[in-house]
PDB file of all heavy atoms in Angstrom:
ATOM      1  N   TYR A   1       0.908  -1.194   0.031  1.00  0.00           N
ATOM      2  CA  TYR A   1       0.051   0.047   0.000  1.00  0.00           C
ATOM      3  C   TYR A   1       0.970   1.180   0.017  1.00  0.00           C
ATOM      4  O   TYR A   1       1.581   1.482   0.983  1.00  0.00           O
ATOM      5  CB  TYR A   1      -0.873   0.053   1.235  1.00  0.00           C
ATOM      6  CG  TYR A   1      -1.678  -1.236   1.498  1.00  0.00           C
ATOM      7  CD1 TYR A   1      -1.090  -2.237   2.263  1.00  0.00           C
ATOM      8  CD2 TYR A   1      -2.995  -1.409   1.070  1.00  0.00           C
ATOM      9  CE1 TYR A   1      -1.734  -3.343   2.542  1.00  0.00           C
ATOM     10  CE2 TYR A   1      -3.613  -2.497   1.385  1.00  0.00           C
ATOM     11  CZ  TYR A   1      -3.101  -3.576   2.090  1.00  0.00           C
ATOM     12  OH  TYR A   1      -3.768  -4.649   2.401  1.00  0.00           O
ATOM     13  N   ASP A   2       1.016   1.907  -1.171  1.00  0.00           N
ATOM     14  CA  ASP A   2       1.767   3.151  -1.268  1.00  0.00           C
ATOM     15  C   ASP A   2       0.826   4.273  -1.043  1.00  0.00           C
ATOM     16  O   ASP A   2      -0.141   4.404  -1.821  1.00  0.00           O
ATOM     17  CB  ASP A   2       2.473   3.208  -2.627  1.00  0.00           C
ATOM     18  CG  ASP A   2       3.410   4.398  -2.783  1.00  0.00           C
ATOM     19  OD1 ASP A   2       3.125   5.438  -2.096  1.00  0.00           O
ATOM     20  OD2 ASP A   2       4.137   4.372  -3.672  1.00  0.00           O
ATOM     21  N   PHE A   3       1.015   5.125  -0.109  1.00  0.00           N
ATOM     22  CA  PHE A   3       0.078   6.111   0.138  1.00  0.00           C
ATOM     23  C   PHE A   3      -0.091   7.263  -0.849  1.00  0.00           C
ATOM     24  O   PHE A   3      -0.895   7.948  -0.690  1.00  0.00           O
ATOM     25  CB  PHE A   3       0.239   6.741   1.604  1.00  0.00           C
ATOM     26  CG  PHE A   3      -0.319   5.655   2.709  1.00  0.00           C
ATOM     27  CD1 PHE A   3       0.020   4.374   2.621  1.00  0.00           C
ATOM     28  CD2 PHE A   3      -1.033   6.181   3.655  1.00  0.00           C
ATOM     29  CE1 PHE A   3      -0.489   3.519   3.512  1.00  0.00           C
ATOM     30  CE2 PHE A   3      -1.694   5.330   4.628  1.00  0.00           C
ATOM     31  CZ  PHE A   3      -1.315   3.974   4.576  1.00  0.00           C
ATOM     32  N   SER A   4       0.838   7.241  -1.797  1.00  0.00           N
ATOM     33  CA  SER A   4       0.636   8.143  -2.891  1.00  0.00           C
ATOM     34  C   SER A   4      -0.240   7.623  -4.104  1.00  0.00           C
ATOM     35  O   SER A   4      -0.670   8.339  -4.882  1.00  0.00           O
ATOM     36  CB  SER A   4       1.937   8.514  -3.464  1.00  0.00           C
ATOM     37  OG  SER A   4       2.635   7.510  -4.069  1.00  0.00           O
ATOM     38  N   ASN A   5      -0.516   6.309  -3.981  1.00  0.00           N
ATOM     39  CA  ASN A   5      -1.433   5.635  -4.850  1.00  0.00           C
ATOM     40  C   ASN A   5      -2.747   5.281  -4.204  1.00  0.00           C
ATOM     41  O   ASN A   5      -2.809   5.010  -3.078  1.00  0.00           O
ATOM     42  CB  ASN A   5      -0.844   4.332  -5.609  1.00  0.00           C
ATOM     43  CG  ASN A   5       0.476   4.748  -6.248  1.00  0.00           C
ATOM     44  OD1 ASN A   5       0.542   5.756  -6.892  1.00  0.00           O
ATOM     45  ND2 ASN A   5       1.429   3.914  -6.181  1.00  0.00           N
ATOM     46  N   LYS A   6      -3.787   5.141  -4.987  1.00  0.00           N
ATOM     47  CA  LYS A   6      -5.164   4.754  -4.461  1.00  0.00           C
ATOM     48  C   LYS A   6      -5.287   3.258  -4.315  1.00  0.00           C
ATOM     49  O   LYS A   6      -6.072   2.746  -3.561  1.00  0.00           O
ATOM     50  CB  LYS A   6      -6.255   5.420  -5.221  1.00  0.00           C
ATOM     51  CG  LYS A   6      -6.316   6.933  -5.054  1.00  0.00           C
ATOM     52  CD  LYS A   6      -7.556   7.474  -5.701  1.00  0.00           C
ATOM     53  CE  LYS A   6      -7.364   8.919  -5.461  1.00  0.00           C
ATOM     54  NZ  LYS A   6      -8.590   9.618  -5.977  1.00  0.00           N
ATOM     55  N   LYS A   7      -4.584   2.513  -5.210  1.00  0.00           N
ATOM     56  CA  LYS A   7      -4.744   1.083  -5.234  1.00  0.00           C
ATOM     57  C   LYS A   7      -3.584   0.357  -4.680  1.00  0.00           C
ATOM     58  O   LYS A   7      -2.428   0.798  -4.960  1.00  0.00           O
ATOM     59  CB  LYS A   7      -4.984   0.595  -6.786  1.00  0.00           C
ATOM     60  CG  LYS A   7      -6.295   1.111  -7.367  1.00  0.00           C
ATOM     61  CD  LYS A   7      -6.450   0.599  -8.768  1.00  0.00           C
ATOM     62  CE  LYS A   7      -7.759   0.919  -9.284  1.00  0.00           C
ATOM     63  NZ  LYS A   7      -7.922   0.484 -10.642  1.00  0.00           N
ATOM     64  N   PRO A   8      -3.733  -0.763  -4.061  1.00  0.00           N
ATOM     65  CA  PRO A   8      -2.601  -1.580  -3.691  1.00  0.00           C
ATOM     66  C   PRO A   8      -1.903  -2.160  -4.866  1.00  0.00           C
ATOM     67  O   PRO A   8      -2.455  -2.438  -5.845  1.00  0.00           O
ATOM     68  CB  PRO A   8      -3.223  -2.659  -2.745  1.00  0.00           C
ATOM     69  CG  PRO A   8      -4.673  -2.788  -3.312  1.00  0.00           C
ATOM     70  CD  PRO A   8      -5.140  -1.426  -3.760  1.00  0.00           C
ATOM     71  N   VAL A   9      -0.597  -2.473  -4.691  1.00  0.00           N
ATOM     72  CA  VAL A   9       0.167  -3.162  -5.633  1.00  0.00           C
ATOM     73  C   VAL A   9       0.422  -4.665  -5.166  1.00  0.00           C
ATOM     74  O   VAL A   9       0.795  -4.855  -4.107  1.00  0.00           O
ATOM     75  CB  VAL A   9       1.561  -2.380  -5.788  1.00  0.00           C
ATOM     76  CG1 VAL A   9       2.525  -3.178  -6.770  1.00  0.00           C
ATOM     77  CG2 VAL A   9       1.350  -1.017  -6.220  1.00  0.00           C
ATOM     78  N   TYR A  10       0.123  -5.446  -6.115  1.00  0.00           N
ATOM     79  CA  TYR A  10       0.389  -6.857  -5.746  1.00  0.00           C
ATOM     80  C   TYR A  10       1.608  -7.370  -6.449  1.00  0.00           C
ATOM     81  O   TYR A  10       1.994  -7.020  -7.564  1.00  0.00           O
ATOM     82  CB  TYR A  10      -0.806  -7.844  -6.332  1.00  0.00           C
ATOM     83  CG  TYR A  10      -2.094  -7.676  -5.619  1.00  0.00           C
ATOM     84  CD1 TYR A  10      -2.956  -6.587  -5.993  1.00  0.00           C
ATOM     85  CD2 TYR A  10      -2.395  -8.407  -4.408  1.00  0.00           C
ATOM     86  CE1 TYR A  10      -4.200  -6.458  -5.255  1.00  0.00           C
ATOM     87  CE2 TYR A  10      -3.525  -8.297  -3.714  1.00  0.00           C
ATOM     88  CZ  TYR A  10      -4.511  -7.246  -4.136  1.00  0.00           C
ATOM     89  OH  TYR A  10      -5.656  -7.084  -3.437  1.00  0.00           O
ATOM     90  N   PHE A  11       2.444  -8.294  -5.793  1.00  0.00           N
ATOM     91  CA  PHE A  11       3.588  -8.815  -6.373  1.00  0.00           C
ATOM     92  C   PHE A  11       3.418 -10.287  -6.758  1.00  0.00           C
ATOM     93  O   PHE A  11       4.556 -10.907  -7.213  1.00  0.00           O
ATOM     94  CB  PHE A  11       4.708  -8.728  -5.236  1.00  0.00           C
ATOM     95  CG  PHE A  11       5.036  -7.376  -4.877  1.00  0.00           C
ATOM     96  CD1 PHE A  11       4.477  -6.763  -3.753  1.00  0.00           C
ATOM     97  CD2 PHE A  11       5.883  -6.493  -5.677  1.00  0.00           C
ATOM     98  CE1 PHE A  11       4.751  -5.450  -3.477  1.00  0.00           C
ATOM     99  CE2 PHE A  11       6.208  -5.275  -5.338  1.00  0.00           C
ATOM    100  CZ  PHE A  11       5.574  -4.719  -4.225  1.00  0.00           C
ATOM    101  N   ASP A  12       2.347 -10.804  -6.753  1.00  0.00           N
ATOM    102  CA  ASP A  12       2.016 -12.284  -7.106  1.00  0.00           C
ATOM    103  C   ASP A  12       0.707 -12.187  -7.928  1.00  0.00           C
ATOM    104  O   ASP A  12      -0.363 -12.025  -7.313  1.00  0.00           O
ATOM    105  CB  ASP A  12       1.975 -13.109  -5.946  1.00  0.00           C
ATOM    106  CG  ASP A  12       1.750 -14.634  -6.246  1.00  0.00           C
ATOM    107  OD1 ASP A  12       0.625 -14.947  -6.698  1.00  0.00           O
ATOM    108  OD2 ASP A  12       2.680 -15.275  -6.114  1.00  0.00           O
ATOM    109  N   GLU A  13       0.769 -12.456  -9.210  1.00  0.00           N
ATOM    110  CA  GLU A  13      -0.405 -12.372 -10.033  1.00  0.00           C
ATOM    111  C   GLU A  13      -1.503 -13.379  -9.629  1.00  0.00           C
ATOM    112  O   GLU A  13      -2.631 -13.072  -9.752  1.00  0.00           O
ATOM    113  CB  GLU A  13       0.057 -12.552 -11.524  1.00  0.00           C
ATOM    114  CG  GLU A  13      -0.985 -12.334 -12.595  1.00  0.00           C
ATOM    115  CD  GLU A  13      -0.601 -12.488 -13.984  1.00  0.00           C
ATOM    116  OE1 GLU A  13       0.487 -11.905 -14.248  1.00  0.00           O
ATOM    117  OE2 GLU A  13      -1.217 -13.072 -14.856  1.00  0.00           O
ATOM    118  N   GLU A  14      -1.093 -14.724  -9.332  1.00  0.00           N
ATOM    119  CA  GLU A  14      -1.986 -15.716  -9.115  1.00  0.00           C
ATOM    120  C   GLU A  14      -2.713 -15.320  -7.804  1.00  0.00           C
ATOM    121  O   GLU A  14      -3.959 -15.406  -7.697  1.00  0.00           O
ATOM    122  CB  GLU A  14      -1.224 -17.037  -9.029  1.00  0.00           C
ATOM    123  CG  GLU A  14      -2.304 -18.164  -8.732  1.00  0.00           C
ATOM    124  CD  GLU A  14      -2.721 -18.406  -7.250  1.00  0.00           C
ATOM    125  OE1 GLU A  14      -1.920 -18.105  -6.364  1.00  0.00           O
ATOM    126  OE2 GLU A  14      -3.829 -18.718  -7.105  1.00  0.00           O
ATOM    127  N   LEU A  15      -2.044 -14.820  -6.867  1.00  0.00           N
ATOM    128  CA  LEU A  15      -2.719 -14.471  -5.586  1.00  0.00           C
ATOM    129  C   LEU A  15      -3.489 -13.225  -5.755  1.00  0.00           C
ATOM    130  O   LEU A  15      -4.545 -13.044  -5.078  1.00  0.00           O
ATOM    131  CB  LEU A  15      -1.651 -14.345  -4.423  1.00  0.00           C
ATOM    132  CG  LEU A  15      -2.163 -14.195  -3.042  1.00  0.00           C
ATOM    133  CD1 LEU A  15      -2.952 -15.395  -2.654  1.00  0.00           C
ATOM    134  CD2 LEU A  15      -1.037 -14.154  -2.073  1.00  0.00           C
ATOM    135  N   GLU A  16      -3.198 -12.322  -6.556  1.00  0.00           N
ATOM    136  CA  GLU A  16      -3.989 -11.080  -6.875  1.00  0.00           C
ATOM    137  C   GLU A  16      -5.306 -11.471  -7.317  1.00  0.00           C
ATOM    138  O   GLU A  16      -6.323 -10.780  -7.013  1.00  0.00           O
ATOM    139  CB  GLU A  16      -3.191 -10.163  -7.851  1.00  0.00           C
ATOM    140  CG  GLU A  16      -3.981  -8.924  -8.181  1.00  0.00           C
ATOM    141  CD  GLU A  16      -3.255  -8.029  -9.116  1.00  0.00           C
ATOM    142  OE1 GLU A  16      -2.300  -8.386  -9.754  1.00  0.00           O
ATOM    143  OE2 GLU A  16      -3.733  -6.982  -9.389  1.00  0.00           O
ATOM    144  N   LYS A  17      -5.430 -12.443  -8.192  1.00  0.00           N
ATOM    145  CA  LYS A  17      -6.767 -12.859  -8.776  1.00  0.00           C
ATOM    146  C   LYS A  17      -7.631 -13.394  -7.781  1.00  0.00           C
ATOM    147  O   LYS A  17      -8.908 -13.256  -7.950  1.00  0.00           O
ATOM    148  CB  LYS A  17      -6.515 -13.943  -9.715  1.00  0.00           C
ATOM    149  CG  LYS A  17      -5.752 -13.520 -11.008  1.00  0.00           C
ATOM    150  CD  LYS A  17      -5.455 -14.815 -11.978  1.00  0.00           C
ATOM    151  CE  LYS A  17      -4.650 -14.321 -13.144  1.00  0.00           C
ATOM    152  NZ  LYS A  17      -4.360 -15.472 -14.018  1.00  0.00           N
ATOM    153  N   ARG A  18      -7.255 -13.792  -6.629  1.00  0.00           N
ATOM    154  CA  ARG A  18      -8.162 -14.232  -5.538  1.00  0.00           C
ATOM    155  C   ARG A  18      -8.086 -13.459  -4.247  1.00  0.00           C
ATOM    156  O   ARG A  18      -8.305 -13.954  -3.222  1.00  0.00           O
ATOM    157  CB  ARG A  18      -7.924 -15.791  -5.339  1.00  0.00           C
ATOM    158  CG  ARG A  18      -6.541 -16.275  -4.948  1.00  0.00           C
ATOM    159  CD  ARG A  18      -6.557 -17.803  -4.987  1.00  0.00           C
ATOM    160  NE  ARG A  18      -5.203 -18.158  -4.537  1.00  0.00           N
ATOM    161  CZ  ARG A  18      -4.820 -18.552  -3.249  1.00  0.00           C
ATOM    162  NH1 ARG A  18      -5.828 -18.478  -2.359  1.00  0.00           N
ATOM    163  NH2 ARG A  18      -3.654 -18.783  -2.964  1.00  0.00           N
ATOM    164  N   SER A  19      -7.627 -12.242  -4.426  1.00  0.00           N
ATOM    165  CA  SER A  19      -7.492 -11.356  -3.236  1.00  0.00           C
ATOM    166  C   SER A  19      -8.198 -10.047  -3.406  1.00  0.00           C
ATOM    167  O   SER A  19      -8.518  -9.664  -4.420  1.00  0.00           O
ATOM    168  CB  SER A  19      -6.077 -11.073  -3.059  1.00  0.00           C
ATOM    169  OG  SER A  19      -5.142 -12.165  -2.651  1.00  0.00           O
ATOM    170  N   GLN A  20      -8.414  -9.588  -2.209  1.00  0.00           N
ATOM    171  CA  GLN A  20      -8.939  -8.166  -2.156  1.00  0.00           C
ATOM    172  C   GLN A  20      -8.092  -7.426  -1.075  1.00  0.00           C
ATOM    173  O   GLN A  20      -7.754  -8.058  -0.100  1.00  0.00           O
ATOM    174  CB  GLN A  20     -10.459  -8.144  -1.732  1.00  0.00           C
ATOM    175  CG  GLN A  20     -11.285  -8.729  -2.661  1.00  0.00           C
ATOM    176  CD  GLN A  20     -12.742  -8.920  -2.003  1.00  0.00           C
ATOM    177  OE1 GLN A  20     -12.868  -9.535  -0.920  1.00  0.00           O
ATOM    178  NE2 GLN A  20     -13.692  -8.511  -2.705  1.00  0.00           N
ATOM    179  N   SER A  21      -7.802  -6.158  -1.305  1.00  0.00           N
ATOM    180  CA  SER A  21      -6.944  -5.584  -0.447  1.00  0.00           C
ATOM    181  C   SER A  21      -7.275  -4.051  -0.337  1.00  0.00           C
ATOM    182  O   SER A  21      -7.590  -3.383  -1.342  1.00  0.00           O
ATOM    183  CB  SER A  21      -5.514  -5.586  -0.798  1.00  0.00           C
ATOM    184  OG  SER A  21      -4.656  -5.214   0.219  1.00  0.00           O
ATOM    185  N   PHE A  22      -7.453  -3.464   0.884  1.00  0.00           N
ATOM    186  CA  PHE A  22      -7.818  -2.043   0.969  1.00  0.00           C
ATOM    187  C   PHE A  22      -7.333  -1.491   2.313  1.00  0.00           C
ATOM    188  O   PHE A  22      -7.094  -2.191   3.249  1.00  0.00           O
ATOM    189  CB  PHE A  22      -9.220  -1.870   0.688  1.00  0.00           C
ATOM    190  CG  PHE A  22     -10.051  -2.583   1.673  1.00  0.00           C
ATOM    191  CD1 PHE A  22     -10.581  -2.118   2.875  1.00  0.00           C
ATOM    192  CD2 PHE A  22     -10.501  -3.989   1.391  1.00  0.00           C
ATOM    193  CE1 PHE A  22     -11.340  -2.902   3.652  1.00  0.00           C
ATOM    194  CE2 PHE A  22     -11.347  -4.737   2.232  1.00  0.00           C
ATOM    195  CZ  PHE A  22     -11.781  -4.125   3.325  1.00  0.00           C
ATOM    196  N   ILE A  23      -7.368  -0.170   2.328  1.00  0.00           N
ATOM    197  CA  ILE A  23      -7.095   0.539   3.620  1.00  0.00           C
ATOM    198  C   ILE A  23      -8.488   0.893   4.149  1.00  0.00           C
ATOM    199  O   ILE A  23      -9.264   1.534   3.538  1.00  0.00           O
ATOM    200  CB  ILE A  23      -6.295   1.733   3.350  1.00  0.00           C
ATOM    201  CG1 ILE A  23      -4.915   1.468   2.858  1.00  0.00           C
ATOM    202  CG2 ILE A  23      -6.136   2.553   4.625  1.00  0.00           C
ATOM    203  CD1 ILE A  23      -3.833   0.847   3.803  1.00  0.00           C
ATOM    204  N   ASP A  24      -8.802   0.499   5.355  1.00  0.00           N
ATOM    205  CA  ASP A  24     -10.007   1.037   6.067  1.00  0.00           C
ATOM    206  C   ASP A  24      -9.678   2.343   6.751  1.00  0.00           C
ATOM    207  O   ASP A  24      -8.980   2.318   7.760  1.00  0.00           O
ATOM    208  CB  ASP A  24     -10.501  -0.012   6.884  1.00  0.00           C
ATOM    209  CG  ASP A  24     -11.831   0.256   7.704  1.00  0.00           C
ATOM    210  OD1 ASP A  24     -12.143   1.554   7.797  1.00  0.00           O
ATOM    211  OD2 ASP A  24     -12.401  -0.674   8.176  1.00  0.00           O
ATOM    212  N   ARG A  25     -10.150   3.366   6.304  1.00  0.00           N
ATOM    213  CA  ARG A  25      -9.832   4.739   6.851  1.00  0.00           C
ATOM    214  C   ARG A  25     -10.479   4.891   8.187  1.00  0.00           C
ATOM    215  O   ARG A  25      -9.874   5.643   9.002  1.00  0.00           O
ATOM    216  CB  ARG A  25     -10.247   5.801   5.907  1.00  0.00           C
ATOM    217  CG  ARG A  25      -9.547   5.730   4.618  1.00  0.00           C
ATOM    218  CD  ARG A  25     -10.082   6.736   3.616  1.00  0.00           C
ATOM    219  NE  ARG A  25      -9.582   6.354   2.356  1.00  0.00           N
ATOM    220  CZ  ARG A  25      -9.323   7.221   1.322  1.00  0.00           C
ATOM    221  NH1 ARG A  25      -9.699   8.452   1.551  1.00  0.00           N
ATOM    222  NH2 ARG A  25      -8.858   6.915   0.234  1.00  0.00           N
ATOM    223  N   ASN A  26     -11.533   4.312   8.507  1.00  0.00           N
ATOM    224  CA  ASN A  26     -12.204   4.467   9.813  1.00  0.00           C
ATOM    225  C   ASN A  26     -11.538   3.824  10.921  1.00  0.00           C
ATOM    226  O   ASN A  26     -11.537   4.323  11.974  1.00  0.00           O
ATOM    227  CB  ASN A  26     -13.674   4.061   9.715  1.00  0.00           C
ATOM    228  CG  ASN A  26     -14.443   4.831   8.738  1.00  0.00           C
ATOM    229  OD1 ASN A  26     -14.295   6.012   8.686  1.00  0.00           O
ATOM    230  ND2 ASN A  26     -15.408   4.193   7.914  1.00  0.00           N
ATOM    231  N   SER A  27     -10.950   2.667  10.672  1.00  0.00           N
ATOM    232  CA  SER A  27     -10.258   1.956  11.794  1.00  0.00           C
ATOM    233  C   SER A  27      -8.736   2.031  11.599  1.00  0.00           C
ATOM    234  O   SER A  27      -8.134   1.250  12.291  1.00  0.00           O
ATOM    235  CB  SER A  27     -10.815   0.515  11.754  1.00  0.00           C
ATOM    236  OG  SER A  27     -10.416  -0.218  10.681  1.00  0.00           O
ATOM    237  N   THR A  28      -8.221   2.694  10.578  1.00  0.00           N
ATOM    238  CA  THR A  28      -6.815   2.729  10.273  1.00  0.00           C
ATOM    239  C   THR A  28      -6.226   1.258  10.095  1.00  0.00           C
ATOM    240  O   THR A  28      -5.261   0.925  10.874  1.00  0.00           O
ATOM    241  CB  THR A  28      -6.060   3.521  11.237  1.00  0.00           C
ATOM    242  OG1 THR A  28      -6.199   2.997  12.466  1.00  0.00           O
ATOM    243  CG2 THR A  28      -6.443   4.922  11.279  1.00  0.00           C
ATOM    244  N   SER A  29      -6.651   0.412   9.326  1.00  0.00           N
ATOM    245  CA  SER A  29      -6.379  -0.959   9.006  1.00  0.00           C
ATOM    246  C   SER A  29      -5.987  -1.165   7.652  1.00  0.00           C
ATOM    247  O   SER A  29      -6.609  -0.614   6.682  1.00  0.00           O
ATOM    248  CB  SER A  29      -7.463  -1.881   9.435  1.00  0.00           C
ATOM    249  OG  SER A  29      -7.744  -1.730  10.834  1.00  0.00           O
ATOM    250  N   ALA A  30      -4.914  -1.899   7.406  1.00  0.00           N
ATOM    251  CA  ALA A  30      -4.591  -2.394   6.086  1.00  0.00           C
ATOM    252  C   ALA A  30      -5.081  -3.808   6.093  1.00  0.00           C
ATOM    253  O   ALA A  30      -4.673  -4.717   6.804  1.00  0.00           O
ATOM    254  CB  ALA A  30      -3.049  -2.339   5.895  1.00  0.00           C
ATOM    255  N   ILE A  31      -6.123  -4.162   5.210  1.00  0.00           N
ATOM    256  CA  ILE A  31      -6.831  -5.469   5.179  1.00  0.00           C
ATOM    257  C   ILE A  31      -6.483  -6.097   3.878  1.00  0.00           C
ATOM    258  O   ILE A  31      -6.617  -5.644   2.824  1.00  0.00           O
ATOM    259  CB  ILE A  31      -8.386  -5.233   5.324  1.00  0.00           C
ATOM    260  CG1 ILE A  31      -8.601  -4.485   6.746  1.00  0.00           C
ATOM    261  CG2 ILE A  31      -9.092  -6.483   5.297  1.00  0.00           C
ATOM    262  CD1 ILE A  31      -9.932  -3.935   6.877  1.00  0.00           C
ATOM    263  N   TRP A  32      -6.190  -7.381   4.047  1.00  0.00           N
ATOM    264  CA  TRP A  32      -5.841  -8.281   3.027  1.00  0.00           C
ATOM    265  C   TRP A  32      -6.704  -9.515   3.016  1.00  0.00           C
ATOM    266  O   TRP A  32      -6.561 -10.181   4.003  1.00  0.00           O
ATOM    267  CB  TRP A  32      -4.436  -8.644   2.934  1.00  0.00           C
ATOM    268  CG  TRP A  32      -3.980  -9.514   1.686  1.00  0.00           C
ATOM    269  CD1 TRP A  32      -4.632  -9.692   0.495  1.00  0.00           C
ATOM    270  CD2 TRP A  32      -2.786 -10.217   1.663  1.00  0.00           C
ATOM    271  NE1 TRP A  32      -3.875 -10.439  -0.318  1.00  0.00           N
ATOM    272  CE2 TRP A  32      -2.784 -10.865   0.330  1.00  0.00           C
ATOM    273  CE3 TRP A  32      -1.834 -10.564   2.599  1.00  0.00           C
ATOM    274  CZ2 TRP A  32      -1.664 -11.786  -0.039  1.00  0.00           C
ATOM    275  CZ3 TRP A  32      -0.797 -11.416   2.084  1.00  0.00           C
ATOM    276  CH2 TRP A  32      -0.760 -12.021   0.823  1.00  0.00           C
ATOM    277  N   VAL A  33      -7.770  -9.735   2.098  1.00  0.00           N
ATOM    278  CA  VAL A  33      -8.637 -10.816   2.087  1.00  0.00           C
ATOM    279  C   VAL A  33      -8.166 -11.834   1.085  1.00  0.00           C
ATOM    280  O   VAL A  33      -8.069 -11.432  -0.173  1.00  0.00           O
ATOM    281  CB  VAL A  33     -10.057 -10.368   1.914  1.00  0.00           C
ATOM    282  CG1 VAL A  33     -10.968 -11.760   1.923  1.00  0.00           C
ATOM    283  CG2 VAL A  33     -10.504  -9.402   2.842  1.00  0.00           C
ATOM    284  N   ILE A  34      -7.707 -13.009   1.461  1.00  0.00           N
ATOM    285  CA  ILE A  34      -7.487 -14.066   0.507  1.00  0.00           C
ATOM    286  C   ILE A  34      -8.644 -15.046   0.295  1.00  0.00           C
ATOM    287  O   ILE A  34      -9.040 -15.707   1.276  1.00  0.00           O
ATOM    288  CB  ILE A  34      -6.161 -14.824   0.975  1.00  0.00           C
ATOM    289  CG1 ILE A  34      -5.070 -13.891   1.148  1.00  0.00           C
ATOM    290  CG2 ILE A  34      -5.768 -15.869  -0.045  1.00  0.00           C
ATOM    291  CD1 ILE A  34      -3.880 -14.562   1.796  1.00  0.00           C
ATOM    292  N   ASN A  35      -9.161 -15.077  -0.782  1.00  0.00           N
ATOM    293  CA  ASN A  35     -10.376 -15.931  -1.106  1.00  0.00           C
ATOM    294  C   ASN A  35      -9.884 -17.277  -1.723  1.00  0.00           C
ATOM    295  O   ASN A  35      -8.725 -17.432  -2.085  1.00  0.00           O
ATOM    296  CB  ASN A  35     -11.250 -15.276  -2.076  1.00  0.00           C
ATOM    297  CG  ASN A  35     -11.806 -13.958  -1.591  1.00  0.00           C
ATOM    298  OD1 ASN A  35     -12.416 -13.873  -0.478  1.00  0.00           O
ATOM    299  ND2 ASN A  35     -11.646 -12.903  -2.196  1.00  0.00           N
ATOM    300  N   ASP A  36     -10.755 -18.238  -1.722  1.00  0.00           N
ATOM    301  CA  ASP A  36     -10.467 -19.566  -2.249  1.00  0.00           C
ATOM    302  C   ASP A  36      -9.202 -20.061  -1.638  1.00  0.00           C
ATOM    303  O   ASP A  36      -8.249 -20.403  -2.303  1.00  0.00           O
ATOM    304  CB  ASP A  36     -10.382 -19.496  -3.789  1.00  0.00           C
ATOM    305  CG  ASP A  36     -10.299 -20.865  -4.493  1.00  0.00           C
ATOM    306  OD1 ASP A  36     -10.572 -21.891  -3.898  1.00  0.00           O
ATOM    307  OD2 ASP A  36      -9.629 -20.981  -5.482  1.00  0.00           O
ATOM    308  N   VAL A  37      -9.254 -20.220  -0.307  1.00  0.00           N
ATOM    309  CA  VAL A  37      -8.002 -20.611   0.383  1.00  0.00           C
ATOM    310  C   VAL A  37      -7.522 -21.906  -0.025  1.00  0.00           C
ATOM    311  O   VAL A  37      -8.345 -22.820  -0.253  1.00  0.00           O
ATOM    312  CB  VAL A  37      -8.335 -20.617   1.864  1.00  0.00           C
ATOM    313  CG1 VAL A  37      -7.122 -21.119   2.709  1.00  0.00           C
ATOM    314  CG2 VAL A  37      -8.591 -19.203   2.467  1.00  0.00           C
ATOM    315  N   ARG A  38      -6.207 -21.958  -0.152  1.00  0.00           N
ATOM    316  CA  ARG A  38      -5.514 -23.256  -0.517  1.00  0.00           C
ATOM    317  C   ARG A  38      -4.489 -23.541   0.490  1.00  0.00           C
ATOM    318  O   ARG A  38      -3.992 -22.831   1.311  1.00  0.00           O
ATOM    319  CB  ARG A  38      -4.827 -23.010  -1.934  1.00  0.00           C
ATOM    320  CG  ARG A  38      -5.786 -22.552  -2.939  1.00  0.00           C
ATOM    321  CD  ARG A  38      -5.153 -22.251  -4.244  1.00  0.00           C
ATOM    322  NE  ARG A  38      -6.243 -21.704  -5.225  1.00  0.00           N
ATOM    323  CZ  ARG A  38      -5.832 -21.130  -6.347  1.00  0.00           C
ATOM    324  NH1 ARG A  38      -4.675 -21.008  -6.643  1.00  0.00           N
ATOM    325  NH2 ARG A  38      -6.881 -20.720  -7.132  1.00  0.00           N
ATOM    326  N   CYS A  39      -4.009 -24.857   0.352  1.00  0.00           N
ATOM    327  CA  CYS A  39      -2.998 -25.336   1.335  1.00  0.00           C
ATOM    328  C   CYS A  39      -1.781 -24.416   1.294  1.00  0.00           C
ATOM    329  O   CYS A  39      -1.223 -24.200   2.362  1.00  0.00           O
ATOM    330  CB  CYS A  39      -2.573 -26.685   0.995  1.00  0.00           C
ATOM    331  SG  CYS A  39      -3.782 -27.939   1.227  1.00  0.00           S
ATOM    332  N   GLU A  40      -1.311 -23.921   0.226  1.00  0.00           N
ATOM    333  CA  GLU A  40      -0.156 -23.079   0.123  1.00  0.00           C
ATOM    334  C   GLU A  40      -0.316 -21.704   0.874  1.00  0.00           C
ATOM    335  O   GLU A  40       0.669 -20.903   1.041  1.00  0.00           O
ATOM    336  CB  GLU A  40       0.422 -22.882  -1.374  1.00  0.00           C
ATOM    337  CG  GLU A  40      -0.617 -22.217  -2.249  1.00  0.00           C
ATOM    338  CD  GLU A  40      -1.481 -23.126  -3.063  1.00  0.00           C
ATOM    339  OE1 GLU A  40      -1.679 -24.267  -2.695  1.00  0.00           O
ATOM    340  OE2 GLU A  40      -1.985 -22.665  -4.084  1.00  0.00           O
ATOM    341  N   ASP A  41      -1.537 -21.466   1.171  1.00  0.00           N
ATOM    342  CA  ASP A  41      -1.818 -20.086   2.012  1.00  0.00           C
ATOM    343  C   ASP A  41      -1.422 -20.341   3.471  1.00  0.00           C
ATOM    344  O   ASP A  41      -1.241 -19.253   4.289  1.00  0.00           O
ATOM    345  CB  ASP A  41      -3.250 -19.637   1.775  1.00  0.00           C
ATOM    346  CG  ASP A  41      -3.608 -19.409   0.399  1.00  0.00           C
ATOM    347  OD1 ASP A  41      -2.748 -18.879  -0.297  1.00  0.00           O
ATOM    348  OD2 ASP A  41      -4.811 -19.585   0.005  1.00  0.00           O
ATOM    349  N   ASP A  42      -1.187 -21.506   3.893  1.00  0.00           N
ATOM    350  CA  ASP A  42      -0.758 -21.828   5.270  1.00  0.00           C
ATOM    351  C   ASP A  42       0.629 -21.250   5.415  1.00  0.00           C
ATOM    352  O   ASP A  42       1.485 -21.185   4.566  1.00  0.00           O
ATOM    353  CB  ASP A  42      -0.624 -23.367   5.401  1.00  0.00           C
ATOM    354  CG  ASP A  42      -0.412 -23.715   6.835  1.00  0.00           C
ATOM    355  OD1 ASP A  42      -1.347 -23.774   7.607  1.00  0.00           O
ATOM    356  OD2 ASP A  42       0.856 -23.904   7.110  1.00  0.00           O
ATOM    357  N   GLY A  43       0.891 -20.567   6.596  1.00  0.00           N
ATOM    358  CA  GLY A  43       2.183 -20.025   6.838  1.00  0.00           C
ATOM    359  C   GLY A  43       2.275 -18.759   7.664  1.00  0.00           C
ATOM    360  O   GLY A  43       1.176 -18.313   8.278  1.00  0.00           O
ATOM    361  N   ASN A  44       3.391 -18.160   7.753  1.00  0.00           N
ATOM    362  CA  ASN A  44       3.662 -16.935   8.620  1.00  0.00           C
ATOM    363  C   ASN A  44       3.584 -15.758   7.695  1.00  0.00           C
ATOM    364  O   ASN A  44       4.244 -15.627   6.718  1.00  0.00           O
ATOM    365  CB  ASN A  44       4.901 -17.054   9.276  1.00  0.00           C
ATOM    366  CG  ASN A  44       5.015 -18.169  10.191  1.00  0.00           C
ATOM    367  OD1 ASN A  44       4.162 -18.384  11.047  1.00  0.00           O
ATOM    368  ND2 ASN A  44       6.113 -18.995  10.294  1.00  0.00           N
TER     369      ASN A  44
END
């Protein structure tokens, strides 16, 4: 999330296709939602 841009930048095309990402201005949160969870999403 670069604060000079309005959209997040993704570094993984496959993950971008099943993700949503945004800044919640009311709660000052950077939220990343990964949909269609797969085994490879397990981790730190």
